[in-house]
Amino acid sequence: MKQFDLSLYLVLDPDLCAGIGMVETARAAVAGGATIVQLRDKNADTARMIETGLALKTVLSGTGAALIVNDDVDAAIAIGADGLHIGQDDLGARAARKLIGPDMILGLSVETEALAAAVDPGIVDYAGIGPVFASATKPDHKQPIGFDGLARLVDVCPVPTVAIGGLKATHVGDVFAAGAGGLAVVSAICGTSDPERAARDIASAIRKAQK
């Protein structure tokens, strides 16, 4: 049984993290309560993804936080990451599972009720649902679904879910009220002056929402 906690899912952005770097941002955020860290860098080649991923793996060792690699299967395998996250336009879930094996966590982005309902729980471990709001960190995102849309997609999705897209600490209550298992954040932690404190504020709001 794979153990992972979607409640505070940090997606790293190399541009927003440029001040202190992705590795230090991740270390601080996990110290503040982030439960998963996703390495996402659309401009990096596999070699650079592996280099950054290995550094992340070192700082996350022993923290209990899972390291997920976005899109790059070869990097995820080389790093020995806890998981891989893919979108609808990337390698198919079945093909990805075949490459990463049975033990690695596999996440899949879904943007519509049809896609959410079609997720195969025998292949995919969790679904990233959104975007809830428009997000500057992903300018090519699909149409925002809002919290009503989030609730509808969560309802039909057969695997655990994490909401994504423009989310901040003030949205925690609405995310959990919609039934999602957590929220994925980018700018709410990356690029802030104190990533540890930013993560701690969100984690505190999550604990209140889960009571």
N, C-alpha and C. Protein backbone atom coordinates (compact mmCIF):
# COMPACT_ATOMS: atom_id res chain seq x y z
N MET A 1 0.85 -1.20 0.00
CA MET A 1 0.00 0.00 0.00
C MET A 1 0.89 1.25 0.00
N LYS A 2 0.71 2.12 -1.00
CA LYS A 2 1.51 3.34 -1.07
C LYS A 2 0.98 4.36 -0.06
N GLN A 3 1.89 4.95 0.66
CA GLN A 3 1.50 5.96 1.64
C GLN A 3 1.93 7.33 1.13
N PHE A 4 0.97 8.23 0.99
CA PHE A 4 1.32 9.61 0.65
C PHE A 4 0.21 10.53 1.14
N ASP A 5 0.60 11.76 1.41
CA ASP A 5 -0.30 12.75 1.99
C ASP A 5 -0.39 13.93 1.03
N LEU A 6 -1.56 14.11 0.43
CA LEU A 6 -1.75 15.16 -0.57
C LEU A 6 -2.09 16.53 0.02
N SER A 7 -2.17 16.63 1.35
CA SER A 7 -2.79 17.82 1.94
C SER A 7 -2.10 19.14 1.55
N LEU A 8 -0.77 19.18 1.58
CA LEU A 8 -0.06 20.40 1.18
C LEU A 8 1.01 20.02 0.16
N TYR A 9 0.67 20.19 -1.08
CA TYR A 9 1.45 19.70 -2.23
C TYR A 9 2.12 20.90 -2.89
N LEU A 10 3.44 20.98 -2.72
CA LEU A 10 4.20 22.10 -3.28
C LEU A 10 4.68 21.75 -4.69
N VAL A 11 4.35 22.60 -5.66
CA VAL A 11 4.88 22.47 -7.01
C VAL A 11 5.95 23.54 -7.19
N LEU A 12 7.18 23.11 -7.40
CA LEU A 12 8.29 24.05 -7.53
C LEU A 12 8.29 24.73 -8.89
N ASP A 13 8.60 26.01 -8.88
CA ASP A 13 8.71 26.79 -10.10
C ASP A 13 10.10 27.44 -10.11
N PRO A 14 10.94 27.11 -11.10
CA PRO A 14 12.32 27.60 -11.07
C PRO A 14 12.44 29.12 -11.10
N ASP A 15 11.53 29.78 -11.79
CA ASP A 15 11.59 31.25 -11.88
C ASP A 15 11.20 31.90 -10.55
N LEU A 16 10.09 31.44 -9.98
CA LEU A 16 9.65 32.00 -8.70
C LEU A 16 10.63 31.68 -7.57
N CYS A 17 11.30 30.53 -7.68
CA CYS A 17 12.23 30.11 -6.63
C CYS A 17 13.65 30.63 -6.84
N ALA A 18 13.84 31.45 -7.86
CA ALA A 18 15.19 31.84 -8.27
C ALA A 18 15.98 32.51 -7.15
N GLY A 19 15.29 33.21 -6.25
CA GLY A 19 15.98 33.93 -5.19
C GLY A 19 16.81 33.03 -4.29
N ILE A 20 16.21 31.93 -3.82
CA ILE A 20 16.94 31.01 -2.93
C ILE A 20 17.10 29.62 -3.56
N GLY A 21 16.49 29.41 -4.71
CA GLY A 21 16.62 28.12 -5.39
C GLY A 21 15.53 27.14 -5.00
N MET A 22 15.30 26.16 -5.88
CA MET A 22 14.23 25.18 -5.65
C MET A 22 14.53 24.27 -4.47
N VAL A 23 15.80 23.89 -4.31
CA VAL A 23 16.14 22.95 -3.24
C VAL A 23 15.92 23.58 -1.86
N GLU A 24 16.38 24.81 -1.67
CA GLU A 24 16.20 25.48 -0.38
C GLU A 24 14.73 25.81 -0.14
N THR A 25 14.01 26.18 -1.20
CA THR A 25 12.57 26.43 -1.07
C THR A 25 11.86 25.17 -0.58
N ALA A 26 12.20 24.03 -1.19
CA ALA A 26 11.58 22.76 -0.79
C ALA A 26 11.92 22.41 0.65
N ARG A 27 13.19 22.56 1.03
CA ARG A 27 13.60 22.24 2.40
C ARG A 27 12.81 23.07 3.41
N ALA A 28 12.72 24.37 3.14
CA ALA A 28 12.01 25.27 4.06
C ALA A 28 10.51 24.95 4.09
N ALA A 29 9.93 24.70 2.93
CA ALA A 29 8.49 24.43 2.87
C ALA A 29 8.12 23.15 3.61
N VAL A 30 8.95 22.13 3.46
CA VAL A 30 8.69 20.87 4.17
C VAL A 30 8.85 21.06 5.67
N ALA A 31 9.83 21.86 6.08
CA ALA A 31 9.98 22.18 7.51
C ALA A 31 8.72 22.87 8.02
N GLY A 32 8.03 23.61 7.14
CA GLY A 32 6.81 24.30 7.52
C GLY A 32 5.55 23.47 7.40
N GLY A 33 5.66 22.28 6.81
CA GLY A 33 4.50 21.41 6.75
C GLY A 33 4.09 20.89 5.38
N ALA A 34 4.84 21.23 4.32
CA ALA A 34 4.52 20.67 3.00
C ALA A 34 4.71 19.15 3.05
N THR A 35 3.78 18.42 2.45
CA THR A 35 3.79 16.96 2.54
C THR A 35 4.29 16.29 1.26
N ILE A 36 4.22 17.00 0.15
CA ILE A 36 4.71 16.50 -1.14
C ILE A 36 5.41 17.65 -1.84
N VAL A 37 6.49 17.33 -2.54
CA VAL A 37 7.20 18.31 -3.36
C VAL A 37 7.26 17.78 -4.78
N GLN A 38 6.77 18.58 -5.73
CA GLN A 38 6.87 18.20 -7.13
C GLN A 38 7.94 19.06 -7.82
N LEU A 39 8.86 18.39 -8.49
CA LEU A 39 9.86 19.07 -9.30
C LEU A 39 9.28 19.29 -10.69
N ARG A 40 9.00 20.56 -10.99
CA ARG A 40 8.48 20.91 -12.32
C ARG A 40 9.37 22.00 -12.91
N ASP A 41 9.98 21.69 -14.04
CA ASP A 41 10.83 22.67 -14.73
C ASP A 41 10.73 22.38 -16.22
N LYS A 42 9.85 23.10 -16.89
CA LYS A 42 9.57 22.83 -18.30
C LYS A 42 10.76 23.14 -19.21
N ASN A 43 11.70 23.93 -18.73
CA ASN A 43 12.84 24.33 -19.57
C ASN A 43 14.10 23.50 -19.33
N ALA A 44 14.05 22.60 -18.37
CA ALA A 44 15.23 21.80 -18.04
C ALA A 44 15.26 20.52 -18.85
N ASP A 45 16.45 20.10 -19.27
CA ASP A 45 16.57 18.80 -19.91
C ASP A 45 16.65 17.73 -18.83
N THR A 46 16.66 16.47 -19.25
CA THR A 46 16.63 15.38 -18.29
C THR A 46 17.83 15.40 -17.36
N ALA A 47 19.01 15.72 -17.88
CA ALA A 47 20.22 15.75 -17.05
C ALA A 47 20.08 16.77 -15.92
N ARG A 48 19.52 17.94 -16.25
CA ARG A 48 19.36 18.97 -15.21
C ARG A 48 18.26 18.58 -14.23
N MET A 49 17.22 17.95 -14.73
CA MET A 49 16.16 17.47 -13.83
C MET A 49 16.72 16.46 -12.84
N ILE A 50 17.58 15.58 -13.33
CA ILE A 50 18.17 14.57 -12.45
C ILE A 50 19.05 15.24 -11.40
N GLU A 51 19.86 16.19 -11.83
CA GLU A 51 20.75 16.91 -10.90
C GLU A 51 19.95 17.59 -9.79
N THR A 52 18.90 18.31 -10.18
CA THR A 52 18.07 19.00 -9.18
C THR A 52 17.32 17.99 -8.33
N GLY A 53 16.80 16.95 -8.97
CA GLY A 53 16.03 15.93 -8.25
C GLY A 53 16.85 15.20 -7.21
N LEU A 54 18.10 14.89 -7.51
CA LEU A 54 18.96 14.21 -6.54
C LEU A 54 19.25 15.12 -5.34
N ALA A 55 19.43 16.41 -5.62
CA ALA A 55 19.64 17.37 -4.52
C ALA A 55 18.38 17.47 -3.65
N LEU A 56 17.22 17.48 -4.29
CA LEU A 56 15.96 17.51 -3.55
C LEU A 56 15.79 16.25 -2.71
N LYS A 57 16.12 15.11 -3.30
CA LYS A 57 15.99 13.84 -2.58
C LYS A 57 16.83 13.85 -1.31
N THR A 58 18.02 14.44 -1.40
CA THR A 58 18.91 14.51 -0.24
C THR A 58 18.29 15.35 0.87
N VAL A 59 17.76 16.54 0.53
CA VAL A 59 17.22 17.41 1.59
C VAL A 59 15.88 16.90 2.13
N LEU A 60 15.17 16.10 1.34
CA LEU A 60 13.87 15.58 1.80
C LEU A 60 14.01 14.26 2.55
N SER A 61 15.19 13.66 2.48
CA SER A 61 15.41 12.36 3.14
C SER A 61 15.10 12.44 4.63
N GLY A 62 14.26 11.53 5.09
CA GLY A 62 13.92 11.47 6.50
C GLY A 62 12.81 12.40 6.94
N THR A 63 12.30 13.23 6.03
CA THR A 63 11.24 14.18 6.41
C THR A 63 9.84 13.57 6.29
N GLY A 64 9.72 12.49 5.51
CA GLY A 64 8.40 11.91 5.26
C GLY A 64 7.69 12.53 4.08
N ALA A 65 8.24 13.62 3.53
CA ALA A 65 7.64 14.26 2.35
C ALA A 65 8.03 13.49 1.09
N ALA A 66 7.08 13.31 0.19
CA ALA A 66 7.33 12.57 -1.04
C ALA A 66 7.85 13.51 -2.13
N LEU A 67 8.75 12.99 -2.96
CA LEU A 67 9.28 13.74 -4.09
C LEU A 67 8.65 13.20 -5.38
N ILE A 68 7.95 14.07 -6.10
CA ILE A 68 7.29 13.72 -7.35
C ILE A 68 7.96 14.49 -8.48
N VAL A 69 8.20 13.83 -9.60
CA VAL A 69 8.78 14.47 -10.77
C VAL A 69 7.70 14.69 -11.83
N ASN A 70 7.65 15.89 -12.36
CA ASN A 70 6.64 16.22 -13.38
C ASN A 70 7.14 15.81 -14.76
N ASP A 71 6.33 15.01 -15.45
CA ASP A 71 6.51 14.68 -16.88
C ASP A 71 7.68 13.78 -17.25
N ASP A 72 8.84 14.00 -16.66
CA ASP A 72 10.06 13.36 -17.15
C ASP A 72 10.25 11.97 -16.52
N VAL A 73 9.82 10.93 -17.24
CA VAL A 73 9.88 9.56 -16.73
C VAL A 73 11.33 9.14 -16.47
N ASP A 74 12.20 9.43 -17.43
CA ASP A 74 13.61 9.03 -17.28
C ASP A 74 14.24 9.66 -16.05
N ALA A 75 13.93 10.93 -15.81
CA ALA A 75 14.47 11.61 -14.63
C ALA A 75 13.91 11.00 -13.35
N ALA A 76 12.62 10.73 -13.33
CA ALA A 76 11.98 10.15 -12.13
C ALA A 76 12.64 8.83 -11.76
N ILE A 77 12.91 7.99 -12.78
CA ILE A 77 13.53 6.69 -12.54
C ILE A 77 14.97 6.86 -12.08
N ALA A 78 15.72 7.74 -12.75
CA ALA A 78 17.13 7.94 -12.41
C ALA A 78 17.30 8.50 -11.00
N ILE A 79 16.40 9.38 -10.60
CA ILE A 79 16.46 10.00 -9.27
C ILE A 79 16.06 9.00 -8.19
N GLY A 80 15.23 8.03 -8.57
CA GLY A 80 14.62 7.17 -7.57
C GLY A 80 13.56 7.93 -6.81
N ALA A 81 12.83 8.77 -7.55
CA ALA A 81 11.78 9.60 -6.95
C ALA A 81 10.66 8.74 -6.41
N ASP A 82 9.86 9.33 -5.53
CA ASP A 82 8.70 8.60 -4.99
C ASP A 82 7.59 8.49 -6.01
N GLY A 83 7.58 9.43 -6.98
CA GLY A 83 6.48 9.39 -7.93
C GLY A 83 6.71 10.20 -9.18
N LEU A 84 5.77 10.07 -10.09
CA LEU A 84 5.76 10.77 -11.37
C LEU A 84 4.38 11.38 -11.53
N HIS A 85 4.33 12.61 -12.05
CA HIS A 85 3.05 13.25 -12.36
C HIS A 85 3.00 13.56 -13.85
N ILE A 86 1.92 13.18 -14.50
CA ILE A 86 1.78 13.42 -15.93
C ILE A 86 0.48 14.15 -16.22
N GLY A 87 0.46 14.85 -17.36
CA GLY A 87 -0.73 15.54 -17.82
C GLY A 87 -1.42 14.73 -18.91
N GLN A 88 -2.53 15.24 -19.39
CA GLN A 88 -3.28 14.54 -20.43
C GLN A 88 -2.53 14.54 -21.76
N ASP A 89 -1.64 15.50 -21.96
CA ASP A 89 -0.91 15.60 -23.23
C ASP A 89 0.45 14.92 -23.18
N ASP A 90 0.77 14.32 -22.04
CA ASP A 90 2.06 13.65 -21.89
C ASP A 90 1.90 12.17 -22.23
N LEU A 91 2.89 11.41 -21.86
CA LEU A 91 2.84 9.96 -22.00
C LEU A 91 1.58 9.43 -21.32
N GLY A 92 0.88 8.48 -21.94
CA GLY A 92 -0.35 7.93 -21.36
C GLY A 92 -0.08 7.24 -20.03
N ALA A 93 -1.11 7.19 -19.18
CA ALA A 93 -0.95 6.63 -17.84
C ALA A 93 -0.52 5.17 -17.87
N ARG A 94 -1.10 4.39 -18.76
CA ARG A 94 -0.76 2.97 -18.84
C ARG A 94 0.71 2.78 -19.23
N ALA A 95 1.15 3.55 -20.23
CA ALA A 95 2.55 3.47 -20.67
C ALA A 95 3.49 3.94 -19.57
N ALA A 96 3.10 5.01 -18.87
CA ALA A 96 3.93 5.52 -17.78
C ALA A 96 4.07 4.48 -16.68
N ARG A 97 2.96 3.85 -16.31
CA ARG A 97 3.00 2.83 -15.25
C ARG A 97 3.91 1.68 -15.65
N LYS A 98 3.88 1.30 -16.90
CA LYS A 98 4.72 0.21 -17.36
C LYS A 98 6.21 0.56 -17.19
N LEU A 99 6.54 1.83 -17.43
CA LEU A 99 7.93 2.27 -17.34
C LEU A 99 8.41 2.43 -15.90
N ILE A 100 7.55 2.94 -15.04
CA ILE A 100 7.98 3.24 -13.66
C ILE A 100 7.79 2.06 -12.72
N GLY A 101 7.04 1.06 -13.14
CA GLY A 101 6.82 -0.10 -12.29
C GLY A 101 5.66 0.11 -11.32
N PRO A 102 5.36 -0.90 -10.53
CA PRO A 102 4.16 -0.87 -9.68
C PRO A 102 4.28 -0.04 -8.42
N ASP A 103 5.51 0.24 -7.98
CA ASP A 103 5.69 0.83 -6.65
C ASP A 103 5.72 2.35 -6.62
N MET A 104 6.05 2.98 -7.74
CA MET A 104 6.13 4.44 -7.77
C MET A 104 4.73 5.05 -7.82
N ILE A 105 4.55 6.16 -7.10
CA ILE A 105 3.27 6.89 -7.13
C ILE A 105 3.09 7.49 -8.52
N LEU A 106 1.88 7.38 -9.06
CA LEU A 106 1.58 8.00 -10.36
C LEU A 106 0.40 8.95 -10.21
N GLY A 107 0.63 10.22 -10.55
CA GLY A 107 -0.42 11.23 -10.52
C GLY A 107 -0.77 11.65 -11.93
N LEU A 108 -2.03 12.03 -12.13
CA LEU A 108 -2.53 12.41 -13.45
C LEU A 108 -3.37 13.68 -13.33
N SER A 109 -3.13 14.65 -14.21
CA SER A 109 -3.95 15.87 -14.24
C SER A 109 -5.26 15.61 -14.97
N VAL A 110 -6.35 16.07 -14.39
CA VAL A 110 -7.66 15.97 -15.05
C VAL A 110 -8.37 17.32 -14.97
N GLU A 111 -9.05 17.68 -16.07
CA GLU A 111 -9.68 19.00 -16.14
C GLU A 111 -11.18 18.95 -16.36
N THR A 112 -11.72 17.76 -16.64
CA THR A 112 -13.16 17.64 -16.92
C THR A 112 -13.74 16.47 -16.15
N GLU A 113 -15.07 16.47 -16.00
CA GLU A 113 -15.73 15.36 -15.32
C GLU A 113 -15.49 14.05 -16.05
N ALA A 114 -15.50 14.08 -17.37
CA ALA A 114 -15.29 12.85 -18.15
C ALA A 114 -13.90 12.27 -17.89
N LEU A 115 -12.89 13.14 -17.87
CA LEU A 115 -11.53 12.67 -17.60
C LEU A 115 -11.40 12.16 -16.17
N ALA A 116 -12.04 12.86 -15.23
CA ALA A 116 -11.97 12.43 -13.83
C ALA A 116 -12.60 11.06 -13.63
N ALA A 117 -13.75 10.86 -14.26
CA ALA A 117 -14.46 9.58 -14.13
C ALA A 117 -13.71 8.45 -14.81
N ALA A 118 -12.90 8.79 -15.81
CA ALA A 118 -12.20 7.77 -16.59
C ALA A 118 -10.87 7.33 -15.98
N VAL A 119 -10.46 7.96 -14.88
CA VAL A 119 -9.19 7.59 -14.24
C VAL A 119 -9.26 6.13 -13.79
N ASP A 120 -8.23 5.37 -14.12
CA ASP A 120 -8.17 3.95 -13.76
C ASP A 120 -7.41 3.79 -12.44
N PRO A 121 -8.12 3.42 -11.36
CA PRO A 121 -7.45 3.31 -10.06
C PRO A 121 -6.47 2.15 -10.00
N GLY A 122 -6.49 1.29 -10.98
CA GLY A 122 -5.50 0.22 -11.05
C GLY A 122 -4.17 0.70 -11.58
N ILE A 123 -4.16 1.91 -12.14
CA ILE A 123 -2.95 2.46 -12.75
C ILE A 123 -2.52 3.75 -12.05
N VAL A 124 -3.48 4.63 -11.80
CA VAL A 124 -3.22 5.97 -11.27
C VAL A 124 -3.50 6.01 -9.77
N ASP A 125 -2.61 6.66 -9.02
CA ASP A 125 -2.76 6.72 -7.56
C ASP A 125 -3.49 7.96 -7.06
N TYR A 126 -3.34 9.07 -7.78
CA TYR A 126 -4.06 10.29 -7.39
C TYR A 126 -4.27 11.15 -8.63
N ALA A 127 -5.24 12.05 -8.54
CA ALA A 127 -5.52 12.97 -9.65
C ALA A 127 -5.36 14.41 -9.19
N GLY A 128 -4.69 15.20 -10.02
CA GLY A 128 -4.60 16.64 -9.80
C GLY A 128 -5.75 17.29 -10.55
N ILE A 129 -6.65 17.96 -9.83
CA ILE A 129 -7.87 18.48 -10.44
C ILE A 129 -7.82 20.00 -10.52
N GLY A 130 -8.08 20.52 -11.70
CA GLY A 130 -8.07 21.97 -11.89
C GLY A 130 -7.93 22.33 -13.35
N PRO A 131 -7.61 23.58 -13.61
CA PRO A 131 -7.29 24.60 -12.61
C PRO A 131 -8.54 25.16 -11.95
N VAL A 132 -8.46 25.34 -10.62
CA VAL A 132 -9.58 25.95 -9.91
C VAL A 132 -9.70 27.41 -10.32
N PHE A 133 -8.57 28.11 -10.36
CA PHE A 133 -8.51 29.49 -10.84
C PHE A 133 -7.44 29.61 -11.91
N ALA A 134 -7.47 30.71 -12.63
CA ALA A 134 -6.40 30.99 -13.59
C ALA A 134 -5.10 31.17 -12.82
N SER A 135 -4.00 30.74 -13.44
CA SER A 135 -2.71 30.82 -12.77
C SER A 135 -1.63 31.32 -13.71
N ALA A 136 -0.90 32.32 -13.26
CA ALA A 136 0.17 32.88 -14.09
C ALA A 136 1.33 31.93 -14.25
N THR A 137 1.44 30.94 -13.35
CA THR A 137 2.56 30.01 -13.43
C THR A 137 2.34 28.94 -14.50
N LYS A 138 1.13 28.88 -15.03
CA LYS A 138 0.86 27.93 -16.11
C LYS A 138 -0.07 28.61 -17.12
N PRO A 139 0.49 29.47 -17.97
CA PRO A 139 -0.33 30.29 -18.87
C PRO A 139 -1.14 29.50 -19.90
N ASP A 140 -0.74 28.24 -20.17
CA ASP A 140 -1.46 27.44 -21.16
C ASP A 140 -2.52 26.55 -20.53
N HIS A 141 -2.93 26.89 -19.28
CA HIS A 141 -3.89 26.03 -18.59
C HIS A 141 -5.26 26.03 -19.26
N LYS A 142 -6.04 25.00 -18.90
CA LYS A 142 -7.39 24.87 -19.41
C LYS A 142 -8.31 25.86 -18.68
N GLN A 143 -9.57 25.88 -19.07
CA GLN A 143 -10.57 26.78 -18.48
C GLN A 143 -10.71 26.51 -16.97
N PRO A 144 -10.63 27.56 -16.13
CA PRO A 144 -10.80 27.36 -14.69
C PRO A 144 -12.17 26.76 -14.36
N ILE A 145 -12.21 25.90 -13.34
CA ILE A 145 -13.44 25.19 -13.01
C ILE A 145 -14.12 25.71 -11.74
N GLY A 146 -13.40 26.50 -10.94
CA GLY A 146 -13.99 27.02 -9.71
C GLY A 146 -14.22 25.91 -8.68
N PHE A 147 -14.72 26.28 -7.52
CA PHE A 147 -14.93 25.28 -6.46
C PHE A 147 -16.12 24.37 -6.76
N ASP A 148 -17.13 24.87 -7.46
CA ASP A 148 -18.25 24.00 -7.84
C ASP A 148 -17.77 22.91 -8.79
N GLY A 149 -16.94 23.31 -9.76
CA GLY A 149 -16.38 22.34 -10.69
C GLY A 149 -15.48 21.35 -9.98
N LEU A 150 -14.68 21.85 -9.04
CA LEU A 150 -13.81 20.98 -8.27
C LEU A 150 -14.63 19.91 -7.55
N ALA A 151 -15.72 20.32 -6.91
CA ALA A 151 -16.56 19.37 -6.18
C ALA A 151 -17.14 18.31 -7.12
N ARG A 152 -17.54 18.73 -8.32
CA ARG A 152 -18.11 17.77 -9.28
C ARG A 152 -17.07 16.75 -9.73
N LEU A 153 -15.87 17.22 -10.02
CA LEU A 153 -14.82 16.31 -10.48
C LEU A 153 -14.36 15.37 -9.36
N VAL A 154 -14.22 15.91 -8.14
CA VAL A 154 -13.85 15.07 -7.00
C VAL A 154 -14.88 13.96 -6.81
N ASP A 155 -16.14 14.31 -6.98
CA ASP A 155 -17.23 13.37 -6.75
C ASP A 155 -17.18 12.16 -7.67
N VAL A 156 -16.75 12.37 -8.90
CA VAL A 156 -16.74 11.25 -9.87
C VAL A 156 -15.38 10.57 -9.99
N CYS A 157 -14.36 11.14 -9.37
CA CYS A 157 -13.00 10.60 -9.51
C CYS A 157 -12.79 9.44 -8.54
N PRO A 158 -12.30 8.29 -9.02
CA PRO A 158 -12.18 7.10 -8.17
C PRO A 158 -10.89 7.01 -7.36
N VAL A 159 -10.04 8.03 -7.44
CA VAL A 159 -8.78 8.02 -6.68
C VAL A 159 -8.68 9.30 -5.85
N PRO A 160 -7.78 9.34 -4.87
CA PRO A 160 -7.58 10.57 -4.08
C PRO A 160 -7.26 11.76 -4.99
N THR A 161 -7.65 12.94 -4.53
CA THR A 161 -7.52 14.13 -5.39
C THR A 161 -6.80 15.27 -4.68
N VAL A 162 -6.13 16.08 -5.50
CA VAL A 162 -5.52 17.31 -5.00
C VAL A 162 -5.91 18.43 -5.96
N ALA A 163 -6.37 19.55 -5.40
CA ALA A 163 -6.81 20.69 -6.22
C ALA A 163 -5.60 21.53 -6.59
N ILE A 164 -5.64 22.12 -7.78
CA ILE A 164 -4.54 22.96 -8.23
C ILE A 164 -5.06 24.14 -9.06
N GLY A 165 -4.30 25.23 -9.04
CA GLY A 165 -4.63 26.37 -9.90
C GLY A 165 -4.95 27.63 -9.12
N GLY A 166 -3.92 28.46 -8.88
CA GLY A 166 -4.13 29.75 -8.25
C GLY A 166 -4.54 29.70 -6.80
N LEU A 167 -4.23 28.61 -6.11
CA LEU A 167 -4.71 28.43 -4.73
C LEU A 167 -3.75 29.00 -3.70
N LYS A 168 -4.35 29.57 -2.63
CA LYS A 168 -3.58 30.17 -1.54
C LYS A 168 -4.20 29.74 -0.20
N ALA A 169 -3.60 30.20 0.88
CA ALA A 169 -4.06 29.80 2.22
C ALA A 169 -5.53 30.12 2.44
N THR A 170 -6.00 31.23 1.87
CA THR A 170 -7.40 31.64 2.07
C THR A 170 -8.39 30.68 1.41
N HIS A 171 -7.91 29.81 0.53
CA HIS A 171 -8.80 28.89 -0.19
C HIS A 171 -8.90 27.51 0.46
N VAL A 172 -8.14 27.29 1.53
CA VAL A 172 -8.06 25.95 2.11
C VAL A 172 -9.43 25.39 2.48
N GLY A 173 -10.24 26.18 3.17
CA GLY A 173 -11.56 25.71 3.60
C GLY A 173 -12.43 25.27 2.43
N ASP A 174 -12.41 26.06 1.36
CA ASP A 174 -13.23 25.73 0.18
C ASP A 174 -12.73 24.46 -0.52
N VAL A 175 -11.41 24.28 -0.54
CA VAL A 175 -10.84 23.08 -1.18
C VAL A 175 -11.30 21.82 -0.45
N PHE A 176 -11.21 21.84 0.86
CA PHE A 176 -11.60 20.65 1.63
C PHE A 176 -13.12 20.47 1.66
N ALA A 177 -13.85 21.57 1.64
CA ALA A 177 -15.31 21.48 1.58
C ALA A 177 -15.76 20.84 0.28
N ALA A 178 -14.97 21.02 -0.78
CA ALA A 178 -15.29 20.41 -2.08
C ALA A 178 -14.93 18.93 -2.12
N GLY A 179 -14.26 18.45 -1.09
CA GLY A 179 -13.96 17.03 -1.00
C GLY A 179 -12.57 16.62 -1.43
N ALA A 180 -11.74 17.58 -1.84
CA ALA A 180 -10.38 17.25 -2.26
C ALA A 180 -9.53 16.87 -1.05
N GLY A 181 -8.50 16.09 -1.31
CA GLY A 181 -7.64 15.63 -0.24
C GLY A 181 -6.51 16.59 0.08
N GLY A 182 -6.43 17.67 -0.68
CA GLY A 182 -5.38 18.65 -0.44
C GLY A 182 -5.35 19.69 -1.52
N LEU A 183 -4.40 20.62 -1.40
CA LEU A 183 -4.25 21.65 -2.42
C LEU A 183 -2.80 21.73 -2.85
N ALA A 184 -2.61 21.90 -4.15
CA ALA A 184 -1.28 22.09 -4.71
C ALA A 184 -1.07 23.59 -4.88
N VAL A 185 0.08 24.07 -4.42
CA VAL A 185 0.35 25.49 -4.47
C VAL A 185 1.70 25.73 -5.15
N VAL A 186 1.81 26.87 -5.80
CA VAL A 186 3.07 27.26 -6.43
C VAL A 186 3.49 28.61 -5.83
N SER A 187 2.88 29.69 -6.30
CA SER A 187 3.30 31.03 -5.87
C SER A 187 2.97 31.32 -4.40
N ALA A 188 2.07 30.56 -3.80
CA ALA A 188 1.75 30.76 -2.39
C ALA A 188 2.92 30.41 -1.48
N ILE A 189 3.89 29.66 -2.03
CA ILE A 189 5.11 29.33 -1.28
C ILE A 189 6.36 29.76 -2.06
N CYS A 190 6.45 29.37 -3.32
CA CYS A 190 7.62 29.71 -4.13
C CYS A 190 7.71 31.23 -4.31
N GLY A 191 8.88 31.78 -4.06
CA GLY A 191 9.06 33.21 -4.29
C GLY A 191 8.63 34.08 -3.13
N THR A 192 8.06 33.48 -2.08
CA THR A 192 7.74 34.28 -0.90
C THR A 192 9.04 34.54 -0.13
N SER A 193 9.04 35.54 0.71
CA SER A 193 10.27 35.89 1.44
C SER A 193 10.63 34.84 2.48
N ASP A 194 9.62 34.07 2.93
CA ASP A 194 9.85 33.05 3.96
C ASP A 194 9.01 31.82 3.63
N PRO A 195 9.53 30.90 2.79
CA PRO A 195 8.74 29.73 2.38
C PRO A 195 8.31 28.85 3.55
N GLU A 196 9.14 28.78 4.58
CA GLU A 196 8.77 27.95 5.73
C GLU A 196 7.53 28.52 6.42
N ARG A 197 7.53 29.83 6.63
CA ARG A 197 6.38 30.46 7.28
C ARG A 197 5.14 30.37 6.39
N ALA A 198 5.32 30.55 5.07
CA ALA A 198 4.18 30.45 4.14
C ALA A 198 3.56 29.07 4.21
N ALA A 199 4.42 28.04 4.23
CA ALA A 199 3.92 26.66 4.32
C ALA A 199 3.25 26.41 5.66
N ARG A 200 3.83 26.97 6.73
CA ARG A 200 3.26 26.76 8.06
C ARG A 200 1.86 27.38 8.17
N ASP A 201 1.68 28.54 7.55
CA ASP A 201 0.36 29.19 7.57
C ASP A 201 -0.68 28.34 6.85
N ILE A 202 -0.29 27.78 5.70
CA ILE A 202 -1.22 26.95 4.94
C ILE A 202 -1.50 25.65 5.70
N ALA A 203 -0.45 25.05 6.27
CA ALA A 203 -0.62 23.80 7.02
C ALA A 203 -1.53 24.00 8.22
N SER A 204 -1.42 25.15 8.86
CA SER A 204 -2.29 25.46 10.00
C SER A 204 -3.75 25.55 9.57
N ALA A 205 -3.98 26.21 8.43
CA ALA A 205 -5.34 26.31 7.87
C ALA A 205 -5.88 24.94 7.50
N ILE A 206 -5.01 24.07 6.99
CA ILE A 206 -5.43 22.70 6.63
C ILE A 206 -5.86 21.93 7.87
N ARG A 207 -5.10 22.03 8.94
CA ARG A 207 -5.46 21.31 10.16
C ARG A 207 -6.84 21.75 10.67
N LYS A 208 -7.11 23.04 10.58
CA LYS A 208 -8.42 23.54 11.01
C LYS A 208 -9.52 23.02 10.10
N ALA A 209 -9.26 22.99 8.79
CA ALA A 209 -10.26 22.52 7.82
C ALA A 209 -10.56 21.04 7.96
N GLN A 210 -9.57 20.28 8.42
CA GLN A 210 -9.73 18.83 8.54
C GLN A 210 -10.42 18.40 9.83
N LYS A 211 -10.61 19.34 10.77
CA LYS A 211 -11.25 18.98 12.05
C LYS A 211 -12.73 18.69 11.87
